[in-house]
């Protein structure tokens, strides 16, 4: 939650990875660091670390979630700007929407987070696809012209490059147009 100024930021609360239910921060904590959306207590209660593959310790909640199916996706923001990512399969396109993507490609559904991470890393490292896009760049692109036909072609071209690098991958590319969700 954001109050009157960018410096007045508040904890977004806790999230139960098993049930999918969230609850407000019991402390109504104000945030000091710009990098997190939760206070330390809520981060610990949630037990989620998006960079679990770099962490020496993973919470029991995340271990359970990591054993469930995950999606690898490409998020496109326009003007040739896109990134690769992964998300829990039940979240579907919600991760793409959270990121402000204009169009996305659900590339593959994999049995667990570790296999999804391996594919995500392969696409980033071997094909030179970014794993992050700065928020300022995304905001800038909101006002730029957007050509869905060109973007669709760019996304499908990356999918074809992934397929040609490893034909054994279980790719099921599905393009999703996201502008209609933003109102």
N, C-alpha and C. Protein backbone atom coordinates (compact mmCIF):
# COMPACT_ATOMS: atom_id res chain seq x y z
N UNK A 1 0.84 -1.18 0.00
CA UNK A 1 0.00 0.00 0.00
C UNK A 1 0.87 1.24 0.00
N UNK A 2 0.46 2.24 -0.72
CA UNK A 2 1.24 3.47 -0.80
C UNK A 2 0.39 4.61 -0.27
N UNK A 3 0.95 5.39 0.62
CA UNK A 3 0.23 6.53 1.18
C UNK A 3 0.50 7.77 0.33
N UNK A 4 0.57 8.96 0.93
CA UNK A 4 0.64 10.21 0.19
C UNK A 4 1.92 10.37 -0.63
N UNK A 5 3.04 9.95 -0.13
CA UNK A 5 4.27 10.11 -0.90
C UNK A 5 4.93 8.76 -1.07
N UNK A 6 5.90 8.71 -1.98
CA UNK A 6 6.60 7.45 -2.24
C UNK A 6 7.34 6.96 -1.00
N UNK A 7 7.68 7.88 -0.08
CA UNK A 7 8.38 7.47 1.14
C UNK A 7 7.42 6.89 2.18
N UNK A 8 6.14 7.14 2.05
CA UNK A 8 5.14 6.60 2.98
C UNK A 8 4.63 5.27 2.45
N UNK A 9 5.41 4.24 2.66
CA UNK A 9 5.05 2.91 2.17
C UNK A 9 4.75 2.01 3.35
N UNK A 10 3.78 1.12 3.16
CA UNK A 10 3.32 0.25 4.23
C UNK A 10 3.39 -1.20 3.80
N UNK A 11 3.57 -2.09 4.74
CA UNK A 11 3.65 -3.52 4.48
C UNK A 11 2.36 -4.01 3.81
N UNK A 12 2.54 -4.86 2.81
CA UNK A 12 1.39 -5.41 2.08
C UNK A 12 0.75 -6.59 2.80
N UNK A 13 1.37 -7.08 3.87
CA UNK A 13 0.77 -8.16 4.66
C UNK A 13 1.36 -9.52 4.37
N UNK A 14 0.71 -10.52 4.95
CA UNK A 14 1.18 -11.91 4.85
C UNK A 14 0.38 -12.68 3.82
N UNK A 15 0.98 -13.78 3.37
CA UNK A 15 0.32 -14.62 2.38
C UNK A 15 0.61 -16.07 2.73
N UNK A 16 -0.43 -16.87 2.78
CA UNK A 16 -0.27 -18.29 3.04
C UNK A 16 -0.09 -19.00 1.70
N UNK A 17 1.10 -19.52 1.46
CA UNK A 17 1.40 -20.15 0.18
C UNK A 17 0.54 -21.38 -0.08
N UNK A 18 0.15 -22.08 0.98
CA UNK A 18 -0.65 -23.29 0.82
C UNK A 18 -2.09 -23.00 0.46
N UNK A 19 -2.71 -22.09 1.18
CA UNK A 19 -4.14 -21.81 0.96
C UNK A 19 -4.38 -20.73 -0.09
N UNK A 20 -3.36 -19.91 -0.35
CA UNK A 20 -3.53 -18.81 -1.29
C UNK A 20 -4.23 -17.60 -0.68
N UNK A 21 -4.38 -17.58 0.62
CA UNK A 21 -5.08 -16.48 1.30
C UNK A 21 -4.07 -15.50 1.88
N UNK A 22 -4.42 -14.22 1.78
CA UNK A 22 -3.59 -13.17 2.35
C UNK A 22 -4.28 -12.53 3.53
N UNK A 23 -3.50 -11.82 4.33
CA UNK A 23 -4.07 -11.06 5.44
C UNK A 23 -3.22 -9.82 5.66
N UNK A 24 -3.82 -8.74 6.17
CA UNK A 24 -3.07 -7.51 6.39
C UNK A 24 -1.96 -7.70 7.42
N UNK A 25 -0.99 -6.84 7.36
CA UNK A 25 0.11 -6.86 8.33
C UNK A 25 -0.46 -6.59 9.72
N UNK A 26 -0.24 -7.48 10.67
CA UNK A 26 -0.78 -7.26 12.02
C UNK A 26 -0.17 -6.05 12.71
N UNK A 27 1.03 -5.65 12.28
CA UNK A 27 1.71 -4.51 12.88
C UNK A 27 1.47 -3.20 12.12
N UNK A 28 0.80 -3.30 10.96
CA UNK A 28 0.62 -2.14 10.08
C UNK A 28 1.95 -1.39 9.92
N UNK A 29 2.97 -2.17 9.61
CA UNK A 29 4.34 -1.67 9.57
C UNK A 29 4.60 -0.74 8.40
N UNK A 30 5.29 0.35 8.70
CA UNK A 30 5.75 1.25 7.66
C UNK A 30 7.08 0.71 7.14
N UNK A 31 7.27 0.77 5.84
CA UNK A 31 8.48 0.23 5.22
C UNK A 31 9.52 1.31 5.03
N UNK A 32 10.76 0.93 5.26
CA UNK A 32 11.87 1.87 5.07
C UNK A 32 12.63 1.54 3.79
N UNK A 33 12.74 0.25 3.49
CA UNK A 33 13.48 -0.17 2.30
C UNK A 33 12.55 -0.18 1.09
N UNK A 34 13.04 0.32 -0.03
CA UNK A 34 12.22 0.35 -1.23
C UNK A 34 12.18 -1.00 -1.95
N UNK A 35 13.03 -1.93 -1.58
CA UNK A 35 13.12 -3.17 -2.33
C UNK A 35 12.09 -4.21 -1.93
N UNK A 36 11.45 -4.06 -0.79
CA UNK A 36 10.49 -5.06 -0.34
C UNK A 36 9.11 -4.46 -0.20
N UNK A 37 8.10 -5.32 -0.35
CA UNK A 37 6.72 -4.87 -0.16
C UNK A 37 6.15 -5.38 1.16
N UNK A 38 6.96 -6.14 1.90
CA UNK A 38 6.54 -6.68 3.19
C UNK A 38 7.58 -6.32 4.25
N UNK A 39 7.10 -6.19 5.50
CA UNK A 39 8.03 -6.02 6.61
C UNK A 39 8.71 -7.37 6.87
N UNK A 40 9.75 -7.36 7.66
CA UNK A 40 10.50 -8.59 7.92
C UNK A 40 9.62 -9.67 8.55
N UNK A 41 8.76 -9.29 9.50
CA UNK A 41 7.89 -10.28 10.16
C UNK A 41 6.94 -10.94 9.15
N UNK A 42 6.37 -10.16 8.25
CA UNK A 42 5.46 -10.74 7.25
C UNK A 42 6.21 -11.56 6.21
N UNK A 43 7.42 -11.14 5.84
CA UNK A 43 8.23 -11.95 4.92
C UNK A 43 8.53 -13.31 5.54
N UNK A 44 8.89 -13.29 6.82
CA UNK A 44 9.18 -14.57 7.51
C UNK A 44 7.93 -15.43 7.61
N UNK A 45 6.79 -14.82 7.95
CA UNK A 45 5.54 -15.58 8.08
C UNK A 45 5.13 -16.19 6.74
N UNK A 46 5.33 -15.45 5.66
CA UNK A 46 4.99 -15.95 4.33
C UNK A 46 5.96 -17.04 3.91
N UNK A 47 7.25 -16.82 4.17
CA UNK A 47 8.26 -17.84 3.86
C UNK A 47 8.59 -17.95 2.39
N UNK A 48 8.39 -16.88 1.64
CA UNK A 48 8.64 -16.93 0.21
C UNK A 48 9.87 -16.12 -0.16
N UNK A 49 10.76 -16.72 -0.92
CA UNK A 49 11.95 -16.04 -1.42
C UNK A 49 11.98 -16.26 -2.93
N UNK A 50 11.73 -15.19 -3.72
CA UNK A 50 11.71 -15.39 -5.17
C UNK A 50 13.04 -15.86 -5.74
N UNK A 51 14.13 -15.65 -5.02
CA UNK A 51 15.45 -16.11 -5.47
C UNK A 51 15.87 -17.33 -4.66
N UNK A 52 14.94 -18.26 -4.46
CA UNK A 52 15.21 -19.46 -3.65
C UNK A 52 16.42 -20.23 -4.15
N UNK A 53 16.70 -20.16 -5.44
CA UNK A 53 17.81 -20.91 -6.04
C UNK A 53 19.17 -20.38 -5.63
N UNK A 54 19.22 -19.18 -5.01
CA UNK A 54 20.47 -18.64 -4.49
C UNK A 54 20.55 -18.76 -2.97
N UNK A 55 19.48 -19.18 -2.35
CA UNK A 55 19.39 -19.18 -0.89
C UNK A 55 19.90 -20.48 -0.28
N UNK A 56 20.71 -20.38 0.77
CA UNK A 56 21.18 -21.61 1.42
C UNK A 56 20.09 -22.29 2.24
N UNK A 57 19.02 -21.56 2.55
CA UNK A 57 17.94 -22.11 3.36
C UNK A 57 16.60 -21.71 2.74
N UNK A 58 15.71 -22.67 2.59
CA UNK A 58 14.39 -22.41 2.01
C UNK A 58 13.34 -22.85 3.02
N UNK A 59 12.34 -22.01 3.24
CA UNK A 59 11.30 -22.29 4.23
C UNK A 59 10.52 -23.55 3.85
N UNK A 60 9.91 -24.21 4.85
CA UNK A 60 9.07 -25.38 4.54
C UNK A 60 7.91 -25.02 3.60
N UNK A 61 7.35 -23.81 3.76
CA UNK A 61 6.25 -23.39 2.88
C UNK A 61 6.73 -23.33 1.43
N UNK A 62 7.91 -22.76 1.24
CA UNK A 62 8.43 -22.64 -0.12
C UNK A 62 8.85 -24.00 -0.67
N UNK A 63 9.40 -24.86 0.16
CA UNK A 63 9.77 -26.19 -0.32
C UNK A 63 8.54 -26.90 -0.88
N UNK A 64 7.42 -26.80 -0.18
CA UNK A 64 6.18 -27.42 -0.66
C UNK A 64 5.73 -26.78 -1.97
N UNK A 65 5.75 -25.46 -2.02
CA UNK A 65 5.33 -24.76 -3.24
C UNK A 65 6.25 -25.10 -4.40
N UNK A 66 7.54 -25.20 -4.15
CA UNK A 66 8.50 -25.50 -5.22
C UNK A 66 8.28 -26.87 -5.85
N UNK A 67 7.64 -27.77 -5.12
CA UNK A 67 7.36 -29.11 -5.66
C UNK A 67 6.13 -29.12 -6.58
N UNK A 68 5.41 -28.02 -6.64
CA UNK A 68 4.20 -27.93 -7.46
C UNK A 68 4.55 -27.38 -8.85
N UNK A 69 3.64 -27.55 -9.83
CA UNK A 69 3.91 -27.07 -11.19
C UNK A 69 4.15 -25.56 -11.26
N UNK A 70 5.05 -25.18 -12.15
CA UNK A 70 5.41 -23.77 -12.39
C UNK A 70 5.39 -23.50 -13.89
N UNK A 71 5.14 -22.24 -14.22
CA UNK A 71 5.15 -21.79 -15.61
C UNK A 71 6.39 -20.97 -15.89
N UNK A 72 6.92 -21.10 -17.08
CA UNK A 72 7.96 -20.20 -17.57
C UNK A 72 7.26 -19.34 -18.62
N UNK A 73 7.50 -18.02 -18.53
CA UNK A 73 6.80 -17.08 -19.40
C UNK A 73 7.76 -16.04 -19.96
N UNK A 74 7.30 -15.37 -20.99
CA UNK A 74 7.95 -14.16 -21.50
C UNK A 74 6.95 -13.03 -21.32
N UNK A 75 7.39 -11.94 -20.75
CA UNK A 75 6.56 -10.75 -20.56
C UNK A 75 7.07 -9.67 -21.50
N UNK A 76 6.19 -9.12 -22.32
CA UNK A 76 6.56 -8.09 -23.30
C UNK A 76 5.93 -6.76 -22.90
N UNK A 77 6.74 -5.70 -22.91
CA UNK A 77 6.29 -4.38 -22.48
C UNK A 77 6.20 -3.39 -23.63
N UNK A 78 6.55 -3.83 -24.83
CA UNK A 78 6.54 -2.97 -26.01
C UNK A 78 7.94 -2.54 -26.40
N UNK A 79 8.06 -2.02 -27.61
CA UNK A 79 9.33 -1.50 -28.13
C UNK A 79 10.49 -2.49 -27.98
N UNK A 80 10.21 -3.77 -28.23
CA UNK A 80 11.26 -4.79 -28.17
C UNK A 80 11.75 -5.10 -26.77
N UNK A 81 11.05 -4.67 -25.75
CA UNK A 81 11.47 -4.88 -24.36
C UNK A 81 10.68 -6.03 -23.75
N UNK A 82 11.38 -7.09 -23.42
CA UNK A 82 10.71 -8.22 -22.77
C UNK A 82 11.67 -8.92 -21.83
N UNK A 83 11.11 -9.81 -21.01
CA UNK A 83 11.88 -10.55 -20.03
C UNK A 83 11.34 -11.95 -19.93
N UNK A 84 12.17 -12.83 -19.40
CA UNK A 84 11.76 -14.19 -19.08
C UNK A 84 11.52 -14.26 -17.58
N UNK A 85 10.59 -15.10 -17.18
CA UNK A 85 10.32 -15.28 -15.76
C UNK A 85 9.64 -16.62 -15.52
N UNK A 86 9.38 -16.87 -14.26
CA UNK A 86 8.67 -18.09 -13.89
C UNK A 86 7.71 -17.76 -12.76
N UNK A 87 6.66 -18.54 -12.63
CA UNK A 87 5.68 -18.34 -11.58
C UNK A 87 4.99 -19.65 -11.25
N UNK A 88 4.42 -19.71 -10.08
CA UNK A 88 3.62 -20.87 -9.67
C UNK A 88 2.48 -21.02 -10.67
N UNK A 89 2.23 -22.21 -11.15
CA UNK A 89 1.27 -22.43 -12.23
C UNK A 89 -0.13 -21.94 -11.88
N UNK A 90 -0.55 -22.07 -10.63
CA UNK A 90 -1.91 -21.61 -10.25
C UNK A 90 -2.08 -20.11 -10.43
N UNK A 91 -0.99 -19.37 -10.47
CA UNK A 91 -1.10 -17.92 -10.64
C UNK A 91 -1.42 -17.54 -12.07
N UNK A 92 -1.19 -18.45 -13.01
CA UNK A 92 -1.53 -18.17 -14.41
C UNK A 92 -0.94 -16.86 -14.89
N UNK A 93 -1.80 -16.02 -15.46
CA UNK A 93 -1.31 -14.76 -16.03
C UNK A 93 -1.18 -13.65 -14.99
N UNK A 94 -1.54 -13.91 -13.76
CA UNK A 94 -1.49 -12.85 -12.74
C UNK A 94 -0.10 -12.26 -12.58
N UNK A 95 0.94 -13.05 -12.69
CA UNK A 95 2.30 -12.52 -12.58
C UNK A 95 2.59 -11.55 -13.73
N UNK A 96 2.16 -11.89 -14.92
CA UNK A 96 2.35 -10.99 -16.06
C UNK A 96 1.63 -9.66 -15.82
N UNK A 97 0.43 -9.73 -15.26
CA UNK A 97 -0.34 -8.52 -14.98
C UNK A 97 0.32 -7.69 -13.89
N UNK A 98 0.84 -8.35 -12.85
CA UNK A 98 1.54 -7.63 -11.78
C UNK A 98 2.72 -6.84 -12.34
N UNK A 99 3.36 -7.39 -13.34
CA UNK A 99 4.53 -6.75 -13.91
C UNK A 99 4.19 -5.66 -14.91
N UNK A 100 2.93 -5.58 -15.32
CA UNK A 100 2.54 -4.55 -16.27
C UNK A 100 2.85 -4.91 -17.71
N UNK A 101 2.97 -6.21 -18.00
CA UNK A 101 3.24 -6.64 -19.38
C UNK A 101 2.05 -6.31 -20.27
N UNK A 102 2.32 -5.95 -21.51
CA UNK A 102 1.26 -5.66 -22.47
C UNK A 102 0.81 -6.94 -23.17
N UNK A 103 1.76 -7.86 -23.34
CA UNK A 103 1.46 -9.16 -23.94
C UNK A 103 2.43 -10.16 -23.31
N UNK A 104 2.00 -11.39 -23.21
CA UNK A 104 2.87 -12.41 -22.64
C UNK A 104 2.81 -13.69 -23.43
N UNK A 105 3.74 -14.55 -23.14
CA UNK A 105 3.78 -15.87 -23.75
C UNK A 105 4.01 -16.86 -22.63
N UNK A 106 2.99 -17.70 -22.39
CA UNK A 106 3.18 -18.80 -21.45
C UNK A 106 3.90 -19.87 -22.24
N UNK A 107 5.16 -20.06 -21.91
CA UNK A 107 6.05 -20.87 -22.73
C UNK A 107 5.99 -22.36 -22.40
N UNK A 108 6.03 -22.68 -21.11
CA UNK A 108 6.05 -24.08 -20.72
C UNK A 108 5.53 -24.24 -19.29
N UNK A 109 4.84 -25.35 -19.08
CA UNK A 109 4.40 -25.74 -17.73
C UNK A 109 5.30 -26.90 -17.33
N UNK A 110 6.00 -26.72 -16.21
CA UNK A 110 6.95 -27.74 -15.76
C UNK A 110 6.54 -28.28 -14.41
N UNK A 111 6.97 -29.50 -14.07
CA UNK A 111 6.50 -30.16 -12.84
C UNK A 111 6.86 -29.46 -11.53
N UNK A 112 7.94 -28.67 -11.53
CA UNK A 112 8.34 -28.02 -10.28
C UNK A 112 9.14 -26.75 -10.55
N UNK A 113 9.39 -26.01 -9.48
CA UNK A 113 10.09 -24.72 -9.58
C UNK A 113 11.53 -24.89 -10.04
N UNK A 114 12.17 -25.97 -9.66
CA UNK A 114 13.57 -26.16 -10.02
C UNK A 114 13.73 -26.37 -11.53
N UNK A 115 12.83 -27.15 -12.13
CA UNK A 115 12.89 -27.33 -13.58
C UNK A 115 12.53 -26.03 -14.30
N UNK A 116 11.56 -25.30 -13.75
CA UNK A 116 11.19 -24.01 -14.34
C UNK A 116 12.36 -23.04 -14.26
N UNK A 117 13.04 -23.02 -13.12
CA UNK A 117 14.20 -22.13 -12.97
C UNK A 117 15.30 -22.50 -13.95
N UNK A 118 15.51 -23.78 -14.17
CA UNK A 118 16.55 -24.22 -15.10
C UNK A 118 16.25 -23.70 -16.51
N UNK A 119 14.98 -23.78 -16.93
CA UNK A 119 14.62 -23.27 -18.25
C UNK A 119 14.73 -21.75 -18.29
N UNK A 120 14.25 -21.08 -17.26
CA UNK A 120 14.35 -19.62 -17.18
C UNK A 120 15.82 -19.18 -17.31
N UNK A 121 16.69 -19.84 -16.56
CA UNK A 121 18.11 -19.49 -16.58
C UNK A 121 18.72 -19.76 -17.96
N UNK A 122 18.35 -20.86 -18.56
CA UNK A 122 18.85 -21.21 -19.90
C UNK A 122 18.46 -20.12 -20.92
N UNK A 123 17.22 -19.69 -20.87
CA UNK A 123 16.75 -18.66 -21.81
C UNK A 123 17.49 -17.36 -21.59
N UNK A 124 17.68 -16.99 -20.33
CA UNK A 124 18.39 -15.74 -20.01
C UNK A 124 19.85 -15.82 -20.44
N UNK A 125 20.51 -16.90 -20.05
CA UNK A 125 21.95 -17.02 -20.30
C UNK A 125 22.26 -17.30 -21.77
N UNK A 126 21.62 -18.30 -22.33
CA UNK A 126 21.99 -18.75 -23.68
C UNK A 126 21.34 -17.95 -24.80
N UNK A 127 20.20 -17.35 -24.53
CA UNK A 127 19.52 -16.59 -25.58
C UNK A 127 19.58 -15.08 -25.33
N UNK A 128 20.18 -14.68 -24.22
CA UNK A 128 20.35 -13.26 -23.94
C UNK A 128 19.07 -12.51 -23.61
N UNK A 129 18.08 -13.21 -23.06
CA UNK A 129 16.82 -12.57 -22.68
C UNK A 129 16.94 -12.07 -21.24
N UNK A 130 16.54 -10.85 -21.01
CA UNK A 130 16.63 -10.25 -19.66
C UNK A 130 15.75 -10.99 -18.66
N UNK A 131 16.20 -11.00 -17.41
CA UNK A 131 15.37 -11.54 -16.32
C UNK A 131 14.67 -10.43 -15.55
N UNK A 132 15.04 -9.19 -15.80
CA UNK A 132 14.39 -8.06 -15.14
C UNK A 132 14.26 -6.90 -16.13
N UNK A 133 13.26 -6.09 -15.90
CA UNK A 133 13.07 -4.83 -16.62
C UNK A 133 12.74 -3.79 -15.56
N UNK A 134 13.48 -2.70 -15.57
CA UNK A 134 13.29 -1.66 -14.57
C UNK A 134 11.89 -1.05 -14.66
N UNK A 135 11.33 -0.73 -13.50
CA UNK A 135 9.99 -0.15 -13.43
C UNK A 135 9.91 1.15 -14.23
N UNK A 136 10.97 1.95 -14.19
CA UNK A 136 10.97 3.22 -14.94
C UNK A 136 10.83 2.95 -16.44
N UNK A 137 11.48 1.91 -16.92
CA UNK A 137 11.37 1.55 -18.35
C UNK A 137 9.95 1.11 -18.68
N UNK A 138 9.34 0.30 -17.80
CA UNK A 138 7.97 -0.15 -18.03
C UNK A 138 7.01 1.05 -18.08
N UNK A 139 7.17 1.98 -17.15
CA UNK A 139 6.30 3.17 -17.13
C UNK A 139 6.48 3.99 -18.40
N UNK A 140 7.71 4.14 -18.83
CA UNK A 140 8.00 4.89 -20.06
C UNK A 140 7.28 4.25 -21.26
N UNK A 141 7.31 2.93 -21.32
CA UNK A 141 6.73 2.23 -22.46
C UNK A 141 5.21 2.26 -22.49
N UNK A 142 4.58 2.59 -21.38
CA UNK A 142 3.11 2.66 -21.37
C UNK A 142 2.60 3.70 -22.35
N UNK A 143 3.36 4.74 -22.59
CA UNK A 143 2.96 5.78 -23.52
C UNK A 143 3.45 5.57 -24.94
N UNK A 144 4.22 4.54 -25.16
CA UNK A 144 4.79 4.28 -26.48
C UNK A 144 3.79 3.51 -27.35
N UNK A 145 3.89 3.66 -28.67
CA UNK A 145 3.03 2.87 -29.56
C UNK A 145 3.26 1.37 -29.31
N UNK A 146 2.20 0.59 -29.44
CA UNK A 146 2.28 -0.85 -29.20
C UNK A 146 1.66 -1.56 -30.39
N UNK A 147 2.42 -2.41 -31.04
CA UNK A 147 1.95 -3.13 -32.23
C UNK A 147 1.81 -4.61 -31.89
N UNK A 148 0.60 -5.05 -31.53
CA UNK A 148 0.40 -6.44 -31.11
C UNK A 148 0.90 -7.49 -32.10
N UNK A 149 0.75 -7.23 -33.40
CA UNK A 149 1.20 -8.22 -34.39
C UNK A 149 2.71 -8.40 -34.35
N UNK A 150 3.44 -7.30 -34.22
CA UNK A 150 4.90 -7.36 -34.13
C UNK A 150 5.33 -8.03 -32.83
N UNK A 151 4.69 -7.66 -31.73
CA UNK A 151 5.03 -8.23 -30.43
C UNK A 151 4.79 -9.73 -30.43
N UNK A 152 3.67 -10.16 -30.96
CA UNK A 152 3.35 -11.60 -31.05
C UNK A 152 4.47 -12.32 -31.82
N UNK A 153 4.89 -11.75 -32.93
CA UNK A 153 5.97 -12.35 -33.74
C UNK A 153 7.27 -12.43 -32.95
N UNK A 154 7.60 -11.37 -32.20
CA UNK A 154 8.82 -11.37 -31.40
C UNK A 154 8.77 -12.46 -30.33
N UNK A 155 7.64 -12.60 -29.67
CA UNK A 155 7.51 -13.63 -28.62
C UNK A 155 7.61 -15.03 -29.21
N UNK A 156 6.92 -15.26 -30.31
CA UNK A 156 6.97 -16.59 -30.93
C UNK A 156 8.35 -16.90 -31.49
N UNK A 157 9.09 -15.87 -31.91
CA UNK A 157 10.47 -16.09 -32.40
C UNK A 157 11.37 -16.56 -31.26
N UNK A 158 11.20 -16.00 -30.08
CA UNK A 158 11.98 -16.46 -28.92
C UNK A 158 11.60 -17.90 -28.59
N UNK A 159 10.31 -18.22 -28.62
CA UNK A 159 9.87 -19.59 -28.36
C UNK A 159 10.52 -20.56 -29.35
N UNK A 160 10.61 -20.15 -30.61
CA UNK A 160 11.22 -21.01 -31.63
C UNK A 160 12.72 -21.18 -31.37
N UNK A 161 13.38 -20.11 -30.91
CA UNK A 161 14.81 -20.22 -30.56
C UNK A 161 15.01 -21.18 -29.40
N UNK A 162 14.12 -21.14 -28.42
CA UNK A 162 14.20 -22.06 -27.28
C UNK A 162 14.02 -23.49 -27.78
N UNK A 163 13.01 -23.68 -28.61
CA UNK A 163 12.74 -25.02 -29.15
C UNK A 163 13.91 -25.55 -29.98
N UNK A 164 14.52 -24.70 -30.78
CA UNK A 164 15.63 -25.17 -31.62
C UNK A 164 16.88 -25.48 -30.79
N UNK A 165 17.05 -24.79 -29.66
CA UNK A 165 18.18 -25.09 -28.77
C UNK A 165 18.02 -26.43 -28.07
N UNK A 166 16.77 -26.79 -27.75
CA UNK A 166 16.52 -28.06 -27.06
C UNK A 166 15.15 -28.59 -27.47
N UNK A 167 15.09 -29.39 -28.55
CA UNK A 167 13.81 -29.91 -29.05
C UNK A 167 13.07 -30.80 -28.05
N UNK A 168 13.75 -31.29 -27.01
CA UNK A 168 13.11 -32.18 -26.05
C UNK A 168 12.27 -31.43 -25.00
N UNK A 169 12.39 -30.10 -24.96
CA UNK A 169 11.64 -29.34 -23.96
C UNK A 169 10.14 -29.42 -24.22
N UNK A 170 9.35 -29.53 -23.14
CA UNK A 170 7.90 -29.62 -23.30
C UNK A 170 7.25 -28.24 -23.46
N UNK A 171 7.54 -27.57 -24.57
CA UNK A 171 7.02 -26.23 -24.80
C UNK A 171 5.57 -26.29 -25.28
N UNK A 172 4.76 -25.39 -24.74
CA UNK A 172 3.37 -25.24 -25.16
C UNK A 172 3.07 -23.74 -25.25
N UNK A 173 3.70 -23.04 -26.19
CA UNK A 173 3.57 -21.58 -26.23
C UNK A 173 2.12 -21.12 -26.41
N UNK A 174 1.70 -20.23 -25.52
CA UNK A 174 0.36 -19.64 -25.59
C UNK A 174 0.50 -18.14 -25.41
N UNK A 175 0.17 -17.39 -26.45
CA UNK A 175 0.24 -15.93 -26.40
C UNK A 175 -1.00 -15.40 -25.67
N UNK A 176 -0.78 -14.46 -24.75
CA UNK A 176 -1.90 -13.84 -24.05
C UNK A 176 -1.79 -12.32 -24.18
N UNK A 177 -2.86 -11.72 -24.70
CA UNK A 177 -2.93 -10.27 -24.81
C UNK A 177 -3.48 -9.74 -23.50
N UNK A 178 -2.80 -8.76 -22.92
CA UNK A 178 -3.11 -8.34 -21.56
C UNK A 178 -3.73 -6.95 -21.43
N UNK A 179 -3.69 -6.14 -22.46
CA UNK A 179 -4.21 -4.78 -22.36
C UNK A 179 -5.66 -4.73 -21.88
N UNK A 180 -6.46 -5.70 -22.29
CA UNK A 180 -7.88 -5.68 -21.91
C UNK A 180 -8.11 -5.82 -20.41
N UNK A 181 -7.13 -6.37 -19.70
CA UNK A 181 -7.27 -6.54 -18.25
C UNK A 181 -7.04 -5.24 -17.49
N UNK A 182 -6.41 -4.28 -18.12
CA UNK A 182 -6.04 -3.04 -17.41
C UNK A 182 -7.15 -2.00 -17.41
N UNK A 183 -8.20 -2.24 -18.14
CA UNK A 183 -9.31 -1.27 -18.14
C UNK A 183 -8.96 -0.09 -18.96
